[in-house]
N, C-alpha and C. Protein backbone atom coordinates (compact mmCIF):
# COMPACT_ATOMS: atom_id res chain seq x y z
N MET A 1 76.77 5.94 45.20
CA MET A 1 78.05 6.00 44.52
C MET A 1 78.84 4.72 44.72
N SER A 2 78.61 4.00 45.84
CA SER A 2 79.41 2.81 46.08
C SER A 2 79.19 1.75 45.01
N GLY A 3 78.00 1.68 44.42
CA GLY A 3 77.76 0.73 43.34
C GLY A 3 78.66 1.01 42.16
N LYS A 4 78.78 2.27 41.80
CA LYS A 4 79.65 2.66 40.69
C LYS A 4 81.10 2.40 41.04
N ALA A 5 81.52 2.78 42.22
CA ALA A 5 82.90 2.55 42.64
C ALA A 5 83.23 1.06 42.64
N ASP A 6 82.31 0.24 43.12
CA ASP A 6 82.53 -1.20 43.12
C ASP A 6 82.67 -1.74 41.70
N LEU A 7 81.86 -1.23 40.79
CA LEU A 7 81.91 -1.67 39.40
C LEU A 7 83.25 -1.29 38.77
N VAL A 8 83.63 -0.04 38.93
CA VAL A 8 84.91 0.42 38.37
C VAL A 8 86.05 -0.37 38.98
N ASN A 9 86.06 -0.51 40.29
CA ASN A 9 87.14 -1.25 40.96
C ASN A 9 87.15 -2.72 40.58
N GLY A 10 85.98 -3.28 40.33
CA GLY A 10 85.91 -4.67 39.89
C GLY A 10 86.56 -4.87 38.53
N TRP A 11 86.25 -3.96 37.58
CA TRP A 11 86.89 -4.03 36.26
C TRP A 11 88.39 -3.84 36.38
N LEU A 12 88.82 -2.89 37.23
CA LEU A 12 90.25 -2.64 37.40
C LEU A 12 90.95 -3.85 38.02
N ALA A 13 90.32 -4.49 38.98
CA ALA A 13 90.91 -5.68 39.61
C ALA A 13 91.05 -6.82 38.60
N LYS A 14 90.02 -7.01 37.77
CA LYS A 14 90.08 -8.06 36.75
C LYS A 14 91.18 -7.75 35.73
N SER A 15 91.32 -6.47 35.38
CA SER A 15 92.38 -6.11 34.43
C SER A 15 93.75 -6.36 35.05
N ASP A 16 93.91 -6.06 36.34
CA ASP A 16 95.17 -6.34 37.02
C ASP A 16 95.50 -7.82 37.00
N SER A 17 94.48 -8.66 37.15
CA SER A 17 94.68 -10.10 37.12
C SER A 17 95.21 -10.55 35.76
N ASP A 18 94.60 -10.05 34.69
CA ASP A 18 95.06 -10.39 33.35
C ASP A 18 96.47 -9.86 33.09
N LEU A 19 96.73 -8.66 33.54
CA LEU A 19 98.06 -8.07 33.34
C LEU A 19 99.12 -8.86 34.11
N ALA A 20 98.80 -9.28 35.32
CA ALA A 20 99.74 -10.08 36.10
C ALA A 20 100.02 -11.41 35.40
N ALA A 21 98.99 -12.04 34.85
CA ALA A 21 99.18 -13.30 34.13
C ALA A 21 100.08 -13.08 32.91
N GLY A 22 99.84 -11.99 32.18
CA GLY A 22 100.68 -11.69 31.03
C GLY A 22 102.13 -11.48 31.41
N HIS A 23 102.36 -10.75 32.49
CA HIS A 23 103.73 -10.51 32.95
C HIS A 23 104.41 -11.83 33.34
N ARG A 24 103.69 -12.68 34.06
CA ARG A 24 104.26 -13.95 34.52
C ARG A 24 104.67 -14.85 33.36
N LEU A 25 103.89 -14.82 32.29
CA LEU A 25 104.13 -15.72 31.15
C LEU A 25 105.14 -15.15 30.15
N LEU A 26 105.50 -13.89 30.29
CA LEU A 26 106.39 -13.27 29.30
C LEU A 26 107.71 -14.01 29.15
N ALA A 27 108.31 -14.42 30.23
CA ALA A 27 109.65 -15.02 30.18
C ALA A 27 109.71 -16.29 29.33
N GLY A 28 108.73 -17.15 29.48
CA GLY A 28 108.80 -18.42 28.77
C GLY A 28 107.62 -18.74 27.88
N GLY A 29 106.64 -17.88 27.88
CA GLY A 29 105.47 -18.12 27.04
C GLY A 29 104.47 -19.02 27.75
N PRO A 30 103.49 -19.46 27.06
CA PRO A 30 103.27 -19.29 25.62
C PRO A 30 102.86 -17.85 25.28
N HIS A 31 103.44 -17.34 24.21
CA HIS A 31 103.26 -15.93 23.86
C HIS A 31 101.88 -15.60 23.31
N ASP A 32 101.19 -16.58 22.73
CA ASP A 32 99.82 -16.32 22.30
C ASP A 32 98.93 -16.04 23.51
N VAL A 33 99.19 -16.73 24.60
CA VAL A 33 98.40 -16.53 25.82
C VAL A 33 98.74 -15.18 26.45
N VAL A 34 100.00 -14.77 26.36
CA VAL A 34 100.40 -13.44 26.85
C VAL A 34 99.60 -12.37 26.10
N CYS A 35 99.54 -12.51 24.77
CA CYS A 35 98.80 -11.53 23.95
C CYS A 35 97.32 -11.53 24.32
N PHE A 36 96.77 -12.71 24.56
CA PHE A 36 95.37 -12.80 24.97
C PHE A 36 95.14 -12.04 26.28
N HIS A 37 95.98 -12.29 27.27
CA HIS A 37 95.80 -11.61 28.57
C HIS A 37 96.03 -10.10 28.45
N ALA A 38 96.94 -9.69 27.59
CA ALA A 38 97.14 -8.25 27.38
C ALA A 38 95.88 -7.62 26.79
N GLN A 39 95.27 -8.30 25.80
CA GLN A 39 94.04 -7.80 25.20
C GLN A 39 92.93 -7.72 26.25
N GLN A 40 92.82 -8.76 27.05
CA GLN A 40 91.79 -8.79 28.08
C GLN A 40 91.99 -7.67 29.11
N ALA A 41 93.24 -7.42 29.48
CA ALA A 41 93.53 -6.34 30.42
C ALA A 41 93.09 -4.99 29.84
N ILE A 42 93.42 -4.76 28.58
CA ILE A 42 93.02 -3.50 27.93
C ILE A 42 91.50 -3.39 27.87
N GLU A 43 90.85 -4.45 27.47
CA GLU A 43 89.38 -4.44 27.38
C GLU A 43 88.76 -4.08 28.72
N LYS A 44 89.23 -4.69 29.78
CA LYS A 44 88.65 -4.44 31.10
C LYS A 44 88.98 -3.04 31.61
N LEU A 45 90.15 -2.53 31.27
CA LEU A 45 90.49 -1.16 31.63
C LEU A 45 89.56 -0.16 30.95
N LEU A 46 89.32 -0.38 29.67
CA LEU A 46 88.42 0.53 28.93
C LEU A 46 86.99 0.42 29.45
N LYS A 47 86.57 -0.78 29.82
CA LYS A 47 85.23 -0.95 30.39
C LYS A 47 85.13 -0.31 31.77
N ALA A 48 86.23 -0.32 32.53
CA ALA A 48 86.26 0.38 33.82
C ALA A 48 86.04 1.87 33.61
N LEU A 49 86.68 2.43 32.59
CA LEU A 49 86.53 3.86 32.33
C LEU A 49 85.12 4.18 31.83
N LEU A 50 84.56 3.31 31.03
CA LEU A 50 83.15 3.51 30.63
C LEU A 50 82.25 3.50 31.86
N ALA A 51 82.46 2.56 32.75
CA ALA A 51 81.65 2.50 33.98
C ALA A 51 81.86 3.76 34.82
N PHE A 52 83.09 4.25 34.86
CA PHE A 52 83.38 5.48 35.59
C PHE A 52 82.56 6.65 35.06
N TYR A 53 82.38 6.66 33.73
CA TYR A 53 81.58 7.72 33.10
C TYR A 53 80.10 7.36 33.03
N ASP A 54 79.68 6.38 33.82
CA ASP A 54 78.27 5.96 33.89
C ASP A 54 77.72 5.43 32.57
N GLN A 55 78.57 4.81 31.80
CA GLN A 55 78.16 4.21 30.53
C GLN A 55 78.23 2.69 30.66
N PRO A 56 77.19 2.00 30.26
CA PRO A 56 77.23 0.53 30.35
C PRO A 56 78.22 -0.03 29.33
N PRO A 57 79.17 -0.82 29.78
CA PRO A 57 80.13 -1.40 28.84
C PRO A 57 79.43 -2.41 27.93
N PRO A 58 79.61 -2.29 26.64
CA PRO A 58 78.97 -3.25 25.73
C PRO A 58 79.69 -4.59 25.79
N ARG A 59 78.99 -5.63 25.38
CA ARG A 59 79.58 -6.96 25.32
C ARG A 59 80.34 -7.08 24.00
N THR A 60 81.58 -6.66 24.03
CA THR A 60 82.42 -6.70 22.84
C THR A 60 83.87 -6.88 23.26
N HIS A 61 84.65 -7.49 22.37
CA HIS A 61 86.09 -7.57 22.56
C HIS A 61 86.81 -6.54 21.68
N ASP A 62 86.04 -5.73 20.95
CA ASP A 62 86.59 -4.77 20.00
C ASP A 62 87.12 -3.55 20.75
N LEU A 63 88.42 -3.51 20.92
CA LEU A 63 89.05 -2.42 21.67
C LEU A 63 88.87 -1.08 20.99
N GLU A 64 88.89 -1.07 19.67
CA GLU A 64 88.70 0.19 18.95
C GLU A 64 87.29 0.74 19.17
N GLU A 65 86.31 -0.13 19.25
CA GLU A 65 84.93 0.32 19.51
C GLU A 65 84.84 0.91 20.91
N LEU A 66 85.45 0.25 21.88
CA LEU A 66 85.45 0.78 23.25
C LEU A 66 86.17 2.13 23.30
N GLN A 67 87.27 2.24 22.57
CA GLN A 67 88.00 3.50 22.49
C GLN A 67 87.12 4.60 21.88
N ARG A 68 86.41 4.28 20.80
CA ARG A 68 85.51 5.27 20.16
C ARG A 68 84.42 5.72 21.13
N LEU A 69 83.83 4.77 21.84
CA LEU A 69 82.78 5.13 22.81
C LEU A 69 83.32 6.08 23.87
N LEU A 70 84.51 5.79 24.37
CA LEU A 70 85.11 6.64 25.40
C LEU A 70 85.44 8.02 24.87
N LEU A 71 85.97 8.09 23.66
CA LEU A 71 86.34 9.40 23.10
C LEU A 71 85.12 10.24 22.76
N ALA A 72 83.98 9.59 22.53
CA ALA A 72 82.74 10.32 22.29
C ALA A 72 82.22 10.95 23.59
N ILE A 73 82.59 10.37 24.72
CA ILE A 73 82.15 10.85 26.03
C ILE A 73 83.09 11.94 26.55
N HIS A 74 84.38 11.70 26.39
CA HIS A 74 85.36 12.58 27.01
C HIS A 74 86.61 12.66 26.11
N ASP A 75 87.04 13.87 25.82
CA ASP A 75 88.24 14.08 25.02
C ASP A 75 89.46 13.67 25.84
N ASN A 76 90.22 12.72 25.31
CA ASN A 76 91.41 12.26 26.00
C ASN A 76 92.49 12.03 24.94
N PRO A 77 93.38 13.00 24.74
CA PRO A 77 94.40 12.87 23.69
C PRO A 77 95.28 11.63 23.83
N ASP A 78 95.60 11.24 25.06
CA ASP A 78 96.43 10.05 25.25
C ASP A 78 95.70 8.79 24.79
N LEU A 79 94.43 8.70 25.13
CA LEU A 79 93.65 7.54 24.71
C LEU A 79 93.44 7.56 23.20
N ALA A 80 93.25 8.73 22.64
CA ALA A 80 93.06 8.85 21.19
C ALA A 80 94.32 8.43 20.43
N ALA A 81 95.49 8.66 21.02
CA ALA A 81 96.75 8.42 20.33
C ALA A 81 97.18 6.96 20.35
N ILE A 82 96.63 6.16 21.24
CA ILE A 82 97.11 4.78 21.35
C ILE A 82 96.43 3.89 20.30
N GLU A 83 97.25 3.10 19.64
CA GLU A 83 96.78 2.21 18.57
C GLU A 83 96.34 0.88 19.19
N LEU A 84 95.07 0.52 18.96
CA LEU A 84 94.52 -0.68 19.57
C LEU A 84 94.09 -1.74 18.56
N PHE A 85 94.28 -1.47 17.27
CA PHE A 85 93.80 -2.40 16.23
C PHE A 85 94.38 -3.80 16.40
N GLU A 86 95.69 -3.89 16.45
CA GLU A 86 96.33 -5.21 16.53
C GLU A 86 95.94 -5.93 17.82
N ALA A 87 95.97 -5.23 18.94
CA ALA A 87 95.64 -5.85 20.22
C ALA A 87 94.20 -6.33 20.26
N SER A 88 93.32 -5.64 19.55
CA SER A 88 91.91 -6.03 19.52
C SER A 88 91.74 -7.44 18.98
N ASP A 89 92.54 -7.80 17.99
CA ASP A 89 92.44 -9.11 17.37
C ASP A 89 92.92 -10.25 18.27
N TYR A 90 93.72 -9.95 19.27
CA TYR A 90 94.28 -11.00 20.11
C TYR A 90 93.21 -11.78 20.88
N ALA A 91 92.07 -11.18 21.14
CA ALA A 91 91.02 -11.87 21.89
C ALA A 91 90.57 -13.13 21.17
N VAL A 92 90.46 -13.05 19.87
CA VAL A 92 89.99 -14.20 19.09
C VAL A 92 91.16 -15.00 18.53
N MET A 93 92.17 -14.31 18.03
CA MET A 93 93.29 -15.01 17.39
C MET A 93 93.99 -15.96 18.34
N ALA A 94 94.20 -15.54 19.58
CA ALA A 94 94.92 -16.37 20.54
C ALA A 94 94.15 -17.65 20.86
N ARG A 95 92.86 -17.61 20.73
CA ARG A 95 92.05 -18.78 21.07
C ARG A 95 91.71 -19.65 19.88
N TYR A 96 91.57 -19.06 18.69
CA TYR A 96 91.02 -19.83 17.57
C TYR A 96 91.86 -19.86 16.30
N ASP A 97 92.82 -18.95 16.15
CA ASP A 97 93.62 -18.92 14.93
C ASP A 97 94.78 -19.90 15.07
N LEU A 98 94.71 -20.99 14.35
CA LEU A 98 95.72 -22.04 14.48
C LEU A 98 97.08 -21.63 13.94
N GLN A 99 97.14 -20.50 13.25
CA GLN A 99 98.41 -19.98 12.70
C GLN A 99 98.99 -18.86 13.56
N PHE A 100 98.31 -18.49 14.63
CA PHE A 100 98.76 -17.36 15.46
C PHE A 100 99.72 -17.85 16.54
N TRP A 101 101.00 -17.66 16.28
CA TRP A 101 102.06 -18.00 17.23
C TRP A 101 103.03 -16.82 17.31
N PRO A 102 102.64 -15.79 18.07
CA PRO A 102 103.49 -14.59 18.13
C PRO A 102 104.82 -14.88 18.82
N ASP A 103 105.82 -14.08 18.47
CA ASP A 103 107.12 -14.21 19.11
C ASP A 103 107.14 -13.41 20.41
N GLU A 104 108.24 -13.51 21.12
CA GLU A 104 108.36 -12.84 22.41
C GLU A 104 108.26 -11.32 22.26
N GLU A 105 108.82 -10.78 21.19
CA GLU A 105 108.77 -9.32 20.98
C GLU A 105 107.32 -8.84 20.86
N THR A 106 106.50 -9.59 20.14
CA THR A 106 105.09 -9.24 20.00
C THR A 106 104.39 -9.28 21.35
N ALA A 107 104.71 -10.30 22.14
CA ALA A 107 104.11 -10.43 23.47
C ALA A 107 104.53 -9.28 24.38
N VAL A 108 105.81 -8.91 24.33
CA VAL A 108 106.31 -7.79 25.13
C VAL A 108 105.59 -6.50 24.74
N GLU A 109 105.42 -6.28 23.44
CA GLU A 109 104.71 -5.09 22.96
C GLU A 109 103.25 -5.09 23.42
N ALA A 110 102.62 -6.25 23.41
CA ALA A 110 101.23 -6.35 23.84
C ALA A 110 101.08 -5.97 25.31
N VAL A 111 101.97 -6.49 26.14
CA VAL A 111 101.92 -6.17 27.58
C VAL A 111 102.25 -4.69 27.80
N ALA A 112 103.21 -4.17 27.07
CA ALA A 112 103.56 -2.75 27.20
C ALA A 112 102.37 -1.87 26.82
N ARG A 113 101.63 -2.26 25.80
CA ARG A 113 100.44 -1.49 25.41
C ARG A 113 99.40 -1.54 26.52
N ALA A 114 99.22 -2.71 27.14
CA ALA A 114 98.26 -2.82 28.25
C ALA A 114 98.68 -1.94 29.43
N VAL A 115 99.96 -1.91 29.72
CA VAL A 115 100.48 -1.06 30.80
C VAL A 115 100.22 0.41 30.48
N GLU A 116 100.41 0.79 29.23
CA GLU A 116 100.16 2.18 28.83
C GLU A 116 98.68 2.53 28.94
N VAL A 117 97.81 1.63 28.54
CA VAL A 117 96.37 1.88 28.67
C VAL A 117 96.00 2.01 30.15
N LYS A 118 96.60 1.18 30.98
CA LYS A 118 96.34 1.28 32.43
C LYS A 118 96.74 2.66 32.94
N ARG A 119 97.90 3.15 32.52
CA ARG A 119 98.35 4.48 32.93
C ARG A 119 97.35 5.55 32.49
N ILE A 120 96.88 5.45 31.27
CA ILE A 120 95.93 6.42 30.72
C ILE A 120 94.61 6.39 31.49
N VAL A 121 94.10 5.19 31.74
CA VAL A 121 92.82 5.05 32.44
C VAL A 121 92.93 5.56 33.87
N LEU A 122 93.95 5.16 34.58
CA LEU A 122 94.10 5.62 35.97
C LEU A 122 94.30 7.13 36.04
N ALA A 123 95.00 7.69 35.09
CA ALA A 123 95.18 9.15 35.06
C ALA A 123 93.86 9.85 34.79
N ALA A 124 93.04 9.29 33.90
CA ALA A 124 91.73 9.90 33.59
C ALA A 124 90.82 9.87 34.81
N VAL A 125 90.84 8.78 35.53
CA VAL A 125 90.00 8.67 36.73
C VAL A 125 90.50 9.63 37.81
N ALA A 126 91.81 9.70 37.99
CA ALA A 126 92.38 10.57 39.02
C ALA A 126 92.17 12.04 38.71
N ALA A 127 92.15 12.40 37.42
CA ALA A 127 92.04 13.80 37.03
C ALA A 127 90.61 14.30 36.99
N ALA A 128 89.65 13.39 37.02
CA ALA A 128 88.24 13.79 36.89
C ALA A 128 87.75 14.46 38.16
N PRO A 129 86.94 15.49 37.98
CA PRO A 129 86.30 16.10 39.16
C PRO A 129 85.43 15.06 39.86
N ASP A 130 85.17 15.26 41.13
CA ASP A 130 84.40 14.30 41.92
C ASP A 130 83.03 14.00 41.31
N ASP A 131 82.45 14.97 40.61
CA ASP A 131 81.09 14.76 40.11
C ASP A 131 81.06 14.18 38.69
N VAL A 132 82.21 13.88 38.09
CA VAL A 132 82.23 13.30 36.74
C VAL A 132 81.54 11.96 36.78
N GLY A 133 80.64 11.77 35.84
CA GLY A 133 79.96 10.50 35.73
C GLY A 133 78.80 10.33 36.66
N SER A 134 78.69 11.15 37.70
CA SER A 134 77.56 10.98 38.60
C SER A 134 76.35 11.67 38.01
N SER A 135 75.21 11.07 38.22
CA SER A 135 73.99 11.63 37.64
C SER A 135 73.55 12.86 38.42
N THR A 136 73.02 13.80 37.69
CA THR A 136 72.49 15.01 38.32
C THR A 136 70.98 14.96 38.24
N GLU A 137 70.37 15.44 39.30
CA GLU A 137 68.91 15.40 39.33
C GLU A 137 68.35 16.79 39.35
């Protein structure tokens, strides 16, 4: 079980790092980078939950795909209700779209969405029975 716990905790630690970077940059920007770190935090949180459920996280930045994979494994109304379409695009737009210059309000919303996903993921992990995700023989 320690391998799984290490994997989940590793994803959670990486998401915390991205979320901390987003929070630090909120006051003065650059706001495109804030949006990028918010997207990365959400991606890593969702991959942590996939790992918790013993599912290999795919190599994708598509938050909606990660959300679909998770909802196919476990019914989670809070996760189902959160809109991830716009945040999903931040992974690429912040790095390559020369017209993507979000304002502070957009950056604040992106970080708030990441914080909400963190709350949902941590609640799902805390609420799961001890044997959730562990293989049965």
